[in-house]
N, C-alpha and C. Protein backbone atom coordinates (compact mmCIF):
# COMPACT_ATOMS: atom_id res chain seq x y z
N MET A 1 90.88 104.72 73.75
CA MET A 1 89.58 104.58 74.37
C MET A 1 89.59 103.36 75.29
N PHE A 2 88.90 103.48 76.43
CA PHE A 2 88.83 102.41 77.41
C PHE A 2 87.37 102.18 77.79
N THR A 3 87.15 101.18 78.65
CA THR A 3 85.78 100.88 79.07
C THR A 3 85.57 101.05 80.57
N GLY A 4 86.66 101.27 81.31
CA GLY A 4 86.53 101.43 82.76
C GLY A 4 86.40 100.11 83.50
N ILE A 5 86.73 99.02 82.83
CA ILE A 5 86.74 97.71 83.47
C ILE A 5 88.20 97.34 83.74
N VAL A 6 88.63 97.43 84.98
CA VAL A 6 90.03 97.20 85.34
C VAL A 6 90.41 95.76 85.06
N GLU A 7 91.53 95.57 84.37
CA GLU A 7 91.99 94.23 84.02
C GLU A 7 92.93 93.64 85.06
N GLU A 8 93.66 94.52 85.74
CA GLU A 8 94.72 94.03 86.61
C GLU A 8 95.07 95.08 87.65
N LEU A 9 95.37 94.60 88.84
CA LEU A 9 95.88 95.48 89.89
C LEU A 9 97.40 95.41 89.82
N GLY A 10 98.02 96.49 89.33
CA GLY A 10 99.46 96.52 89.15
C GLY A 10 100.15 97.15 90.34
N GLU A 11 101.47 97.31 90.21
CA GLU A 11 102.28 97.90 91.29
C GLU A 11 103.35 98.79 90.70
N VAL A 12 103.50 99.97 91.27
CA VAL A 12 104.57 100.88 90.84
C VAL A 12 105.91 100.31 91.32
N VAL A 13 106.83 100.12 90.38
CA VAL A 13 108.15 99.59 90.74
C VAL A 13 109.23 100.65 90.64
N ALA A 14 108.96 101.74 89.93
CA ALA A 14 109.92 102.85 89.86
C ALA A 14 109.19 104.11 89.46
N LEU A 15 109.63 105.23 90.03
CA LEU A 15 109.05 106.53 89.70
C LEU A 15 110.14 107.57 89.87
N ALA A 16 110.51 108.19 88.76
CA ALA A 16 111.58 109.18 88.79
C ALA A 16 111.06 110.53 88.31
N GLY A 17 111.38 111.59 89.06
CA GLY A 17 111.09 112.95 88.63
C GLY A 17 109.70 113.47 88.91
N ALA A 18 108.90 112.79 89.73
CA ALA A 18 107.51 113.20 89.95
C ALA A 18 107.40 114.56 90.62
N ASP A 19 108.47 115.05 91.23
CA ASP A 19 108.44 116.37 91.87
C ASP A 19 108.79 117.49 90.91
N GLY A 20 109.13 117.13 89.67
CA GLY A 20 109.51 118.13 88.69
C GLY A 20 108.44 118.35 87.63
N ASP A 21 108.89 118.67 86.41
CA ASP A 21 107.97 118.95 85.32
C ASP A 21 107.59 117.72 84.52
N SER A 22 108.21 116.60 84.82
CA SER A 22 107.87 115.35 84.14
C SER A 22 108.33 114.19 85.00
N ALA A 23 107.86 113.01 84.65
CA ALA A 23 108.24 111.83 85.42
C ALA A 23 108.34 110.64 84.49
N VAL A 24 109.05 109.62 84.96
CA VAL A 24 109.12 108.35 84.27
C VAL A 24 108.59 107.30 85.24
N LEU A 25 107.51 106.63 84.83
CA LEU A 25 106.80 105.69 85.69
C LEU A 25 106.97 104.28 85.15
N THR A 26 107.34 103.36 86.04
CA THR A 26 107.42 101.95 85.67
C THR A 26 106.47 101.15 86.55
N VAL A 27 105.63 100.35 85.90
CA VAL A 27 104.57 99.62 86.59
C VAL A 27 104.65 98.14 86.25
N ARG A 28 104.56 97.29 87.28
CA ARG A 28 104.49 95.86 87.04
C ARG A 28 103.04 95.47 86.78
N GLY A 29 102.84 94.76 85.66
CA GLY A 29 101.50 94.29 85.31
C GLY A 29 101.61 93.19 84.28
N PRO A 30 101.83 91.95 84.69
CA PRO A 30 102.08 90.86 83.74
C PRO A 30 100.95 90.66 82.73
N LEU A 31 99.71 90.87 83.13
CA LEU A 31 98.60 90.66 82.20
C LEU A 31 98.58 91.72 81.10
N VAL A 32 98.63 93.00 81.50
CA VAL A 32 98.50 94.06 80.50
C VAL A 32 99.75 94.20 79.64
N THR A 33 100.88 93.68 80.11
CA THR A 33 102.10 93.77 79.32
C THR A 33 102.33 92.55 78.44
N ALA A 34 101.49 91.53 78.59
CA ALA A 34 101.70 90.28 77.85
C ALA A 34 101.74 90.51 76.34
N ASP A 35 100.90 91.44 75.86
CA ASP A 35 100.88 91.71 74.42
C ASP A 35 101.15 93.18 74.11
N ALA A 36 101.70 93.90 75.09
CA ALA A 36 101.95 95.34 74.91
C ALA A 36 103.16 95.57 74.03
N ARG A 37 103.06 96.60 73.20
CA ARG A 37 104.15 97.00 72.33
C ARG A 37 104.45 98.48 72.54
N HIS A 38 105.62 98.91 72.11
CA HIS A 38 105.98 100.32 72.17
C HIS A 38 104.91 101.16 71.47
N GLY A 39 104.41 102.18 72.17
CA GLY A 39 103.39 103.05 71.60
C GLY A 39 101.97 102.69 71.98
N ASP A 40 101.76 101.53 72.59
CA ASP A 40 100.42 101.15 73.02
C ASP A 40 99.97 102.01 74.19
N SER A 41 98.66 102.09 74.38
CA SER A 41 98.09 102.85 75.49
C SER A 41 97.64 101.93 76.61
N ILE A 42 97.99 102.29 77.83
CA ILE A 42 97.53 101.59 79.03
C ILE A 42 97.06 102.65 80.02
N ALA A 43 95.88 102.46 80.58
CA ALA A 43 95.36 103.38 81.59
C ALA A 43 95.89 102.98 82.96
N VAL A 44 96.47 103.96 83.66
CA VAL A 44 96.99 103.76 85.01
C VAL A 44 96.17 104.64 85.95
N ASN A 45 95.35 104.02 86.78
CA ASN A 45 94.41 104.78 87.63
C ASN A 45 93.60 105.77 86.81
N GLY A 46 93.22 105.32 85.61
CA GLY A 46 92.36 106.14 84.76
C GLY A 46 93.08 107.13 83.87
N VAL A 47 94.41 107.17 83.92
CA VAL A 47 95.20 108.09 83.10
C VAL A 47 95.79 107.32 81.93
N CYS A 48 95.48 107.74 80.72
CA CYS A 48 96.01 107.08 79.52
C CYS A 48 97.49 107.42 79.37
N LEU A 49 98.33 106.40 79.40
CA LEU A 49 99.77 106.58 79.24
C LEU A 49 100.26 105.74 78.05
N THR A 50 101.36 106.16 77.46
CA THR A 50 101.91 105.48 76.29
C THR A 50 103.12 104.65 76.70
N VAL A 51 103.11 103.39 76.33
CA VAL A 51 104.20 102.48 76.66
C VAL A 51 105.46 102.88 75.88
N THR A 52 106.56 103.11 76.62
CA THR A 52 107.84 103.40 75.98
C THR A 52 108.80 102.23 76.07
N GLU A 53 108.63 101.39 77.09
CA GLU A 53 109.43 100.18 77.24
C GLU A 53 108.54 99.11 77.86
N ASN A 54 108.83 97.85 77.53
CA ASN A 54 108.06 96.73 78.06
C ASN A 54 108.97 95.52 78.18
N SER A 55 109.21 95.08 79.42
CA SER A 55 110.05 93.90 79.62
C SER A 55 109.80 93.30 80.99
N ASP A 56 109.89 91.97 81.05
CA ASP A 56 109.79 91.24 82.31
C ASP A 56 108.52 91.57 83.09
N GLY A 57 107.41 91.71 82.38
CA GLY A 57 106.13 91.92 83.05
C GLY A 57 105.91 93.32 83.58
N ALA A 58 106.73 94.27 83.14
CA ALA A 58 106.57 95.65 83.58
C ALA A 58 106.69 96.57 82.37
N PHE A 59 106.01 97.72 82.44
CA PHE A 59 106.12 98.69 81.35
C PHE A 59 106.50 100.05 81.92
N THR A 60 107.10 100.87 81.07
CA THR A 60 107.53 102.21 81.45
C THR A 60 106.80 103.22 80.57
N ALA A 61 106.45 104.36 81.17
CA ALA A 61 105.77 105.43 80.44
C ALA A 61 106.26 106.78 80.93
N ASP A 62 106.31 107.74 80.02
CA ASP A 62 106.63 109.11 80.38
C ASP A 62 105.35 109.82 80.83
N VAL A 63 105.46 110.63 81.88
CA VAL A 63 104.32 111.39 82.39
C VAL A 63 104.68 112.87 82.34
N MET A 64 103.96 113.64 81.53
CA MET A 64 104.29 115.05 81.36
C MET A 64 103.70 115.90 82.49
N ALA A 65 104.15 117.15 82.56
CA ALA A 65 103.76 118.05 83.63
C ALA A 65 102.25 118.23 83.71
N GLU A 66 101.59 118.38 82.56
CA GLU A 66 100.14 118.55 82.54
C GLU A 66 99.44 117.41 83.24
N THR A 67 99.89 116.19 83.01
CA THR A 67 99.29 115.01 83.64
C THR A 67 99.55 115.00 85.14
N LEU A 68 100.77 115.35 85.54
CA LEU A 68 101.09 115.39 86.97
C LEU A 68 100.24 116.42 87.70
N HIS A 69 99.98 117.55 87.06
CA HIS A 69 99.21 118.62 87.70
C HIS A 69 97.72 118.33 87.75
N ARG A 70 97.21 117.59 86.77
CA ARG A 70 95.77 117.37 86.67
C ARG A 70 95.31 116.01 87.21
N SER A 71 96.24 115.20 87.67
CA SER A 71 95.87 113.88 88.17
C SER A 71 96.56 113.61 89.50
N SER A 72 96.29 112.43 90.03
CA SER A 72 96.92 112.05 91.31
C SER A 72 98.18 111.22 91.11
N LEU A 73 98.68 111.11 89.88
CA LEU A 73 99.86 110.27 89.65
C LEU A 73 101.09 110.76 90.40
N ALA A 74 101.18 112.07 90.65
CA ALA A 74 102.33 112.59 91.37
C ALA A 74 102.38 112.08 92.82
N ALA A 75 101.23 111.60 93.32
CA ALA A 75 101.17 111.09 94.69
C ALA A 75 101.59 109.63 94.79
N LEU A 76 101.82 108.97 93.64
CA LEU A 76 102.24 107.58 93.68
C LEU A 76 103.65 107.43 94.24
N ARG A 77 103.89 106.29 94.82
CA ARG A 77 105.21 105.95 95.35
C ARG A 77 105.55 104.53 94.93
N VAL A 78 106.80 104.15 95.02
CA VAL A 78 107.19 102.77 94.74
C VAL A 78 106.41 101.86 95.69
N GLY A 79 105.77 100.86 95.13
CA GLY A 79 104.94 99.96 95.92
C GLY A 79 103.46 100.28 95.87
N SER A 80 103.10 101.46 95.35
CA SER A 80 101.68 101.83 95.26
C SER A 80 100.95 100.90 94.31
N PRO A 81 99.76 100.42 94.70
CA PRO A 81 98.95 99.64 93.77
C PRO A 81 98.26 100.58 92.79
N VAL A 82 98.05 100.13 91.57
CA VAL A 82 97.40 100.94 90.55
C VAL A 82 96.47 100.09 89.70
N ASN A 83 95.35 100.69 89.29
CA ASN A 83 94.43 100.03 88.37
C ASN A 83 94.99 100.09 86.96
N LEU A 84 94.94 98.98 86.24
CA LEU A 84 95.47 98.92 84.89
C LEU A 84 94.41 98.41 83.91
N GLU A 85 94.34 99.05 82.75
CA GLU A 85 93.46 98.60 81.67
C GLU A 85 94.11 98.91 80.33
N ARG A 86 94.14 97.91 79.46
CA ARG A 86 94.61 98.15 78.10
C ARG A 86 93.53 98.85 77.29
N ALA A 87 93.94 99.56 76.25
CA ALA A 87 92.98 100.23 75.39
C ALA A 87 92.04 99.21 74.75
N ALA A 88 90.78 99.63 74.58
CA ALA A 88 89.79 98.76 73.98
C ALA A 88 90.08 98.58 72.49
N THR A 89 89.65 97.46 71.95
CA THR A 89 89.72 97.21 70.51
C THR A 89 88.31 97.25 69.94
N LEU A 90 88.19 97.25 68.63
CA LEU A 90 86.86 97.31 68.01
C LEU A 90 86.01 96.10 68.37
N GLY A 91 86.66 95.00 68.72
CA GLY A 91 85.91 93.79 69.08
C GLY A 91 85.66 93.64 70.57
N SER A 92 86.07 94.65 71.37
CA SER A 92 85.93 94.56 72.83
C SER A 92 84.47 94.67 73.26
N ARG A 93 84.13 93.99 74.34
CA ARG A 93 82.83 94.19 74.97
C ARG A 93 82.88 95.50 75.73
N LEU A 94 81.81 96.27 75.66
CA LEU A 94 81.74 97.54 76.39
C LEU A 94 81.06 97.28 77.72
N GLY A 95 81.83 96.73 78.67
CA GLY A 95 81.26 96.35 79.95
C GLY A 95 81.00 97.53 80.86
N GLY A 96 81.72 98.63 80.67
CA GLY A 96 81.53 99.81 81.50
C GLY A 96 80.85 100.89 80.70
N HIS A 97 81.60 101.98 80.41
CA HIS A 97 81.11 103.02 79.50
C HIS A 97 82.31 103.59 78.76
N LEU A 98 82.08 104.49 77.82
CA LEU A 98 83.18 105.04 77.04
C LEU A 98 84.05 105.93 77.91
N VAL A 99 85.31 105.54 78.04
CA VAL A 99 86.27 106.24 78.90
C VAL A 99 87.46 106.64 78.04
N GLN A 100 87.85 107.90 78.11
CA GLN A 100 88.95 108.38 77.28
C GLN A 100 90.33 108.24 77.92
N GLY A 101 90.36 108.17 79.25
CA GLY A 101 91.65 108.18 79.92
C GLY A 101 92.20 109.58 80.07
N HIS A 102 91.32 110.59 79.94
CA HIS A 102 91.68 111.99 80.11
C HIS A 102 91.06 112.50 81.41
N VAL A 103 91.86 112.65 82.44
CA VAL A 103 91.35 113.01 83.76
C VAL A 103 90.80 114.44 83.76
N ASP A 104 89.59 114.60 84.31
CA ASP A 104 88.96 115.91 84.40
C ASP A 104 89.26 116.62 85.72
N GLY A 105 89.60 115.86 86.74
CA GLY A 105 89.88 116.48 88.04
C GLY A 105 90.22 115.43 89.07
N VAL A 106 90.63 115.91 90.23
CA VAL A 106 91.00 115.03 91.35
C VAL A 106 90.03 115.28 92.49
N ALA A 107 89.55 114.19 93.09
CA ALA A 107 88.66 114.27 94.24
C ALA A 107 89.34 113.61 95.44
N ARG A 108 88.69 113.70 96.58
CA ARG A 108 89.18 113.05 97.80
C ARG A 108 88.10 112.13 98.35
N LEU A 109 88.52 110.99 98.87
CA LEU A 109 87.58 110.09 99.53
C LEU A 109 87.19 110.70 100.87
N LEU A 110 85.89 110.87 101.07
CA LEU A 110 85.39 111.50 102.30
C LEU A 110 84.94 110.49 103.34
N SER A 111 84.39 109.37 102.90
CA SER A 111 83.91 108.38 103.86
C SER A 111 83.70 107.04 103.19
N ARG A 112 83.71 105.99 104.02
CA ARG A 112 83.41 104.63 103.59
C ARG A 112 82.34 104.09 104.53
N GLU A 113 81.27 103.54 103.97
CA GLU A 113 80.19 102.96 104.77
C GLU A 113 79.98 101.52 104.33
N PRO A 114 80.47 100.56 105.14
CA PRO A 114 80.33 99.16 104.76
C PRO A 114 78.90 98.66 104.92
N GLY A 115 78.49 97.78 104.00
CA GLY A 115 77.19 97.12 104.09
C GLY A 115 77.40 95.62 104.10
N GLU A 116 76.31 94.86 104.03
CA GLU A 116 76.42 93.40 104.07
C GLU A 116 77.10 92.85 102.82
N ALA A 117 76.79 93.42 101.65
CA ALA A 117 77.33 92.88 100.41
C ALA A 117 77.94 93.96 99.52
N TRP A 118 78.09 95.14 100.06
CA TRP A 118 78.67 96.23 99.27
C TRP A 118 79.24 97.27 100.23
N GLU A 119 79.86 98.29 99.68
CA GLU A 119 80.38 99.40 100.48
C GLU A 119 80.10 100.69 99.74
N VAL A 120 79.62 101.69 100.45
CA VAL A 120 79.33 102.98 99.85
C VAL A 120 80.50 103.92 100.11
N LEU A 121 81.06 104.46 99.03
CA LEU A 121 82.16 105.42 99.12
C LEU A 121 81.64 106.79 98.71
N ARG A 122 81.95 107.79 99.52
CA ARG A 122 81.53 109.16 99.22
C ARG A 122 82.77 110.00 98.94
N PHE A 123 82.73 110.76 97.85
CA PHE A 123 83.87 111.55 97.40
C PHE A 123 83.50 113.03 97.31
N SER A 124 84.51 113.88 97.40
CA SER A 124 84.30 115.30 97.11
C SER A 124 84.04 115.44 95.62
N LEU A 125 83.36 116.51 95.24
CA LEU A 125 83.03 116.75 93.84
C LEU A 125 83.47 118.16 93.46
N PRO A 126 84.53 118.27 92.66
CA PRO A 126 85.01 119.60 92.26
C PRO A 126 83.89 120.41 91.61
N ALA A 127 83.81 121.69 91.95
CA ALA A 127 82.71 122.54 91.48
C ALA A 127 82.60 122.57 89.97
N GLU A 128 83.74 122.56 89.27
CA GLU A 128 83.72 122.65 87.81
C GLU A 128 83.21 121.38 87.13
N LEU A 129 83.08 120.29 87.89
CA LEU A 129 82.60 119.04 87.33
C LEU A 129 81.18 118.69 87.77
N ALA A 130 80.66 119.42 88.74
CA ALA A 130 79.38 119.06 89.35
C ALA A 130 78.24 118.97 88.34
N ARG A 131 78.23 119.83 87.34
CA ARG A 131 77.12 119.85 86.38
C ARG A 131 77.09 118.61 85.49
N TYR A 132 78.18 117.84 85.45
CA TYR A 132 78.23 116.65 84.62
C TYR A 132 77.88 115.37 85.38
N VAL A 133 77.68 115.46 86.67
CA VAL A 133 77.48 114.27 87.50
C VAL A 133 76.02 114.20 87.94
N VAL A 134 75.35 113.12 87.58
CA VAL A 134 73.94 112.95 87.91
C VAL A 134 73.71 111.58 88.53
N GLU A 135 72.69 111.48 89.35
CA GLU A 135 72.33 110.20 89.95
C GLU A 135 72.00 109.20 88.86
N LYS A 136 72.53 108.00 89.00
CA LYS A 136 72.40 106.89 88.05
C LYS A 136 73.21 107.11 86.77
N GLY A 137 73.99 108.18 86.72
CA GLY A 137 74.87 108.41 85.58
C GLY A 137 76.21 107.72 85.79
N SER A 138 77.04 107.74 84.75
CA SER A 138 78.35 107.09 84.80
C SER A 138 79.44 108.08 85.20
N ILE A 139 80.41 107.58 85.94
CA ILE A 139 81.60 108.35 86.28
C ILE A 139 82.76 107.37 86.40
N THR A 140 83.96 107.84 86.08
CA THR A 140 85.15 107.00 86.21
C THR A 140 85.98 107.49 87.38
N VAL A 141 86.25 106.59 88.33
CA VAL A 141 87.03 106.91 89.52
C VAL A 141 88.28 106.03 89.52
N ASP A 142 89.44 106.65 89.38
CA ASP A 142 90.71 105.92 89.28
C ASP A 142 90.63 104.83 88.20
N GLY A 143 89.95 105.16 87.09
CA GLY A 143 89.87 104.24 85.97
C GLY A 143 88.77 103.20 86.05
N VAL A 144 87.96 103.25 87.11
CA VAL A 144 86.88 102.28 87.30
C VAL A 144 85.55 102.91 86.87
N SER A 145 84.85 102.28 85.95
CA SER A 145 83.53 102.74 85.52
C SER A 145 82.52 102.43 86.61
N LEU A 146 81.88 103.48 87.13
CA LEU A 146 80.94 103.32 88.24
C LEU A 146 79.64 104.07 87.97
N THR A 147 78.60 103.68 88.69
CA THR A 147 77.31 104.36 88.62
C THR A 147 77.14 105.23 89.86
N VAL A 148 76.80 106.47 89.66
CA VAL A 148 76.58 107.40 90.77
C VAL A 148 75.29 107.03 91.48
N THR A 149 75.35 106.83 92.78
CA THR A 149 74.16 106.47 93.55
C THR A 149 73.53 107.66 94.25
N GLU A 150 74.34 108.69 94.50
CA GLU A 150 73.82 109.89 95.16
C GLU A 150 74.73 111.06 94.82
N VAL A 151 74.17 112.23 94.66
CA VAL A 151 74.98 113.40 94.34
C VAL A 151 74.40 114.62 95.05
N THR A 152 75.29 115.46 95.59
CA THR A 152 74.92 116.75 96.16
C THR A 152 75.69 117.82 95.40
N ASP A 153 75.62 119.06 95.88
CA ASP A 153 76.34 120.13 95.19
C ASP A 153 77.85 119.91 95.18
N ASP A 154 78.37 119.25 96.21
CA ASP A 154 79.83 119.11 96.30
C ASP A 154 80.32 117.71 96.68
N THR A 155 79.43 116.71 96.59
CA THR A 155 79.84 115.33 96.85
C THR A 155 79.08 114.38 95.92
N PHE A 156 79.64 113.18 95.76
CA PHE A 156 78.89 112.12 95.10
C PHE A 156 79.27 110.79 95.74
N SER A 157 78.38 109.82 95.61
CA SER A 157 78.61 108.51 96.21
C SER A 157 78.46 107.42 95.18
N VAL A 158 79.17 106.31 95.41
CA VAL A 158 79.06 105.11 94.58
C VAL A 158 79.00 103.90 95.50
N SER A 159 78.35 102.84 95.04
CA SER A 159 78.28 101.60 95.80
C SER A 159 79.14 100.55 95.11
N LEU A 160 80.03 99.93 95.86
CA LEU A 160 80.97 98.98 95.29
C LEU A 160 80.69 97.57 95.78
N ILE A 161 80.65 96.63 94.82
CA ILE A 161 80.47 95.22 95.16
C ILE A 161 81.80 94.64 95.61
N PRO A 162 81.78 93.47 96.28
CA PRO A 162 83.03 92.87 96.76
C PRO A 162 84.09 92.68 95.68
N THR A 163 83.68 92.32 94.47
CA THR A 163 84.65 92.11 93.39
C THR A 163 85.42 93.38 93.08
N THR A 164 84.72 94.52 93.02
CA THR A 164 85.39 95.79 92.75
C THR A 164 86.32 96.17 93.89
N LEU A 165 85.89 95.92 95.11
CA LEU A 165 86.72 96.22 96.27
C LEU A 165 87.99 95.38 96.28
N LYS A 166 87.88 94.14 95.83
CA LYS A 166 89.02 93.22 95.86
C LYS A 166 89.98 93.44 94.71
N LEU A 167 89.45 93.76 93.53
CA LEU A 167 90.27 93.77 92.33
C LEU A 167 90.72 95.15 91.86
N THR A 168 90.38 96.21 92.61
CA THR A 168 90.80 97.56 92.25
C THR A 168 91.38 98.27 93.46
N VAL A 169 92.03 99.41 93.21
CA VAL A 169 92.62 100.17 94.31
C VAL A 169 91.56 100.79 95.22
N LEU A 170 90.31 100.86 94.75
CA LEU A 170 89.26 101.47 95.56
C LEU A 170 89.02 100.71 96.86
N GLY A 171 89.35 99.44 96.87
CA GLY A 171 89.20 98.67 98.10
C GLY A 171 90.23 99.03 99.15
N GLN A 172 91.31 99.71 98.73
CA GLN A 172 92.40 100.05 99.65
C GLN A 172 92.49 101.53 100.00
N LYS A 173 91.64 102.34 99.38
CA LYS A 173 91.71 103.78 99.61
C LYS A 173 91.27 104.15 101.02
N GLY A 174 92.00 105.09 101.62
CA GLY A 174 91.65 105.59 102.94
C GLY A 174 91.03 106.97 102.83
N VAL A 175 90.31 107.38 103.85
CA VAL A 175 89.70 108.70 103.88
C VAL A 175 90.79 109.76 103.69
N GLY A 176 90.55 110.68 102.76
CA GLY A 176 91.52 111.72 102.44
C GLY A 176 92.38 111.43 101.23
N ASP A 177 92.39 110.17 100.79
CA ASP A 177 93.20 109.81 99.64
C ASP A 177 92.65 110.44 98.36
N PRO A 178 93.53 110.84 97.44
CA PRO A 178 93.07 111.41 96.17
C PRO A 178 92.69 110.34 95.16
N VAL A 179 91.74 110.66 94.29
CA VAL A 179 91.36 109.78 93.19
C VAL A 179 91.18 110.61 91.93
N ASN A 180 91.42 109.99 90.79
CA ASN A 180 91.22 110.66 89.51
C ASN A 180 89.78 110.51 89.06
N LEU A 181 89.21 111.60 88.55
CA LEU A 181 87.84 111.58 88.04
C LEU A 181 87.82 111.86 86.55
N GLU A 182 87.01 111.11 85.84
CA GLU A 182 86.68 111.44 84.47
C GLU A 182 85.17 111.37 84.33
N VAL A 183 84.54 112.48 84.00
CA VAL A 183 83.08 112.49 83.85
C VAL A 183 82.71 111.93 82.48
N ASP A 184 81.45 111.64 82.31
CA ASP A 184 80.96 111.08 81.05
C ASP A 184 81.14 112.09 79.92
N VAL A 185 81.94 111.74 78.92
CA VAL A 185 82.25 112.67 77.84
C VAL A 185 80.99 113.05 77.06
N ILE A 186 80.00 112.18 77.02
CA ILE A 186 78.77 112.49 76.30
C ILE A 186 78.10 113.72 76.90
N ALA A 187 78.14 113.86 78.22
CA ALA A 187 77.53 115.02 78.88
C ALA A 187 78.20 116.31 78.44
N LYS A 188 79.53 116.27 78.25
CA LYS A 188 80.24 117.47 77.83
C LYS A 188 79.91 117.85 76.40
N TYR A 189 79.79 116.85 75.53
CA TYR A 189 79.42 117.14 74.14
C TYR A 189 78.01 117.68 74.04
N VAL A 190 77.08 117.12 74.81
CA VAL A 190 75.70 117.61 74.80
C VAL A 190 75.65 119.06 75.26
N GLU A 191 76.39 119.37 76.32
CA GLU A 191 76.42 120.74 76.83
C GLU A 191 76.92 121.71 75.75
N LYS A 192 77.98 121.33 75.06
CA LYS A 192 78.54 122.22 74.04
C LYS A 192 77.57 122.40 72.88
N MET A 193 76.94 121.31 72.46
CA MET A 193 76.01 121.41 71.34
C MET A 193 74.79 122.27 71.67
N LEU A 194 74.42 122.30 72.94
CA LEU A 194 73.27 123.11 73.37
C LEU A 194 73.67 124.55 73.67
N GLY A 195 74.96 124.85 73.49
CA GLY A 195 75.43 126.22 73.67
C GLY A 195 75.67 126.61 75.11
N GLY A 196 75.80 125.61 75.99
CA GLY A 196 75.97 125.93 77.40
C GLY A 196 77.38 125.77 77.90
N HIS A 197 78.33 125.64 76.97
CA HIS A 197 79.74 125.41 77.39
C HIS A 197 80.27 126.61 78.15
N ARG A 198 80.90 126.30 79.30
CA ARG A 198 81.56 127.33 80.08
C ARG A 198 83.01 126.94 80.28
N ALA A 199 83.89 127.88 80.11
CA ALA A 199 85.32 127.58 80.29
C ALA A 199 85.60 127.23 81.72
N GLY A 200 86.62 126.35 81.92
CA GLY A 200 87.03 126.04 83.27
C GLY A 200 86.90 124.59 83.54
């Protein structure tokens, strides 16, 4: 479990096999690896991965085919910046919202609108996720817990403060770039309990 508060902007230092059925990803992140052990969970752009090796400020994780197909990790390259967050502990502050690290879909950045003290980013909204996204609700974009400021049938927008722009990959995303989405898990549980669950 995570909170969507990015701890560190890491860098991909090696990526093998991303064009196949699995990959091995190595990421430099001195902060998140300082106390990491084999088997620990670290979110990479919102994807929960398991540490298999940890040395010299970098960790390695296996990425299975399901993750490559359902997330944007296959688009990473050596040198790509990535958002990193260690799994929350029972004593952690919940600064964002409950985030599982299970990507629900991939969106694309459609536009950036700079303001005096913030920037509005508008993303595509996959049809199968639209019912879970509401104005003023929570959504996770590349592992960042954000508040939805506007939503249409096929888009949603978020407003980012300078700190978020500086300390996460969202400050570097260009129009057309893919991002990982995780909707609020509470919305999915409520839907199922009310008998409105639809496959897909």
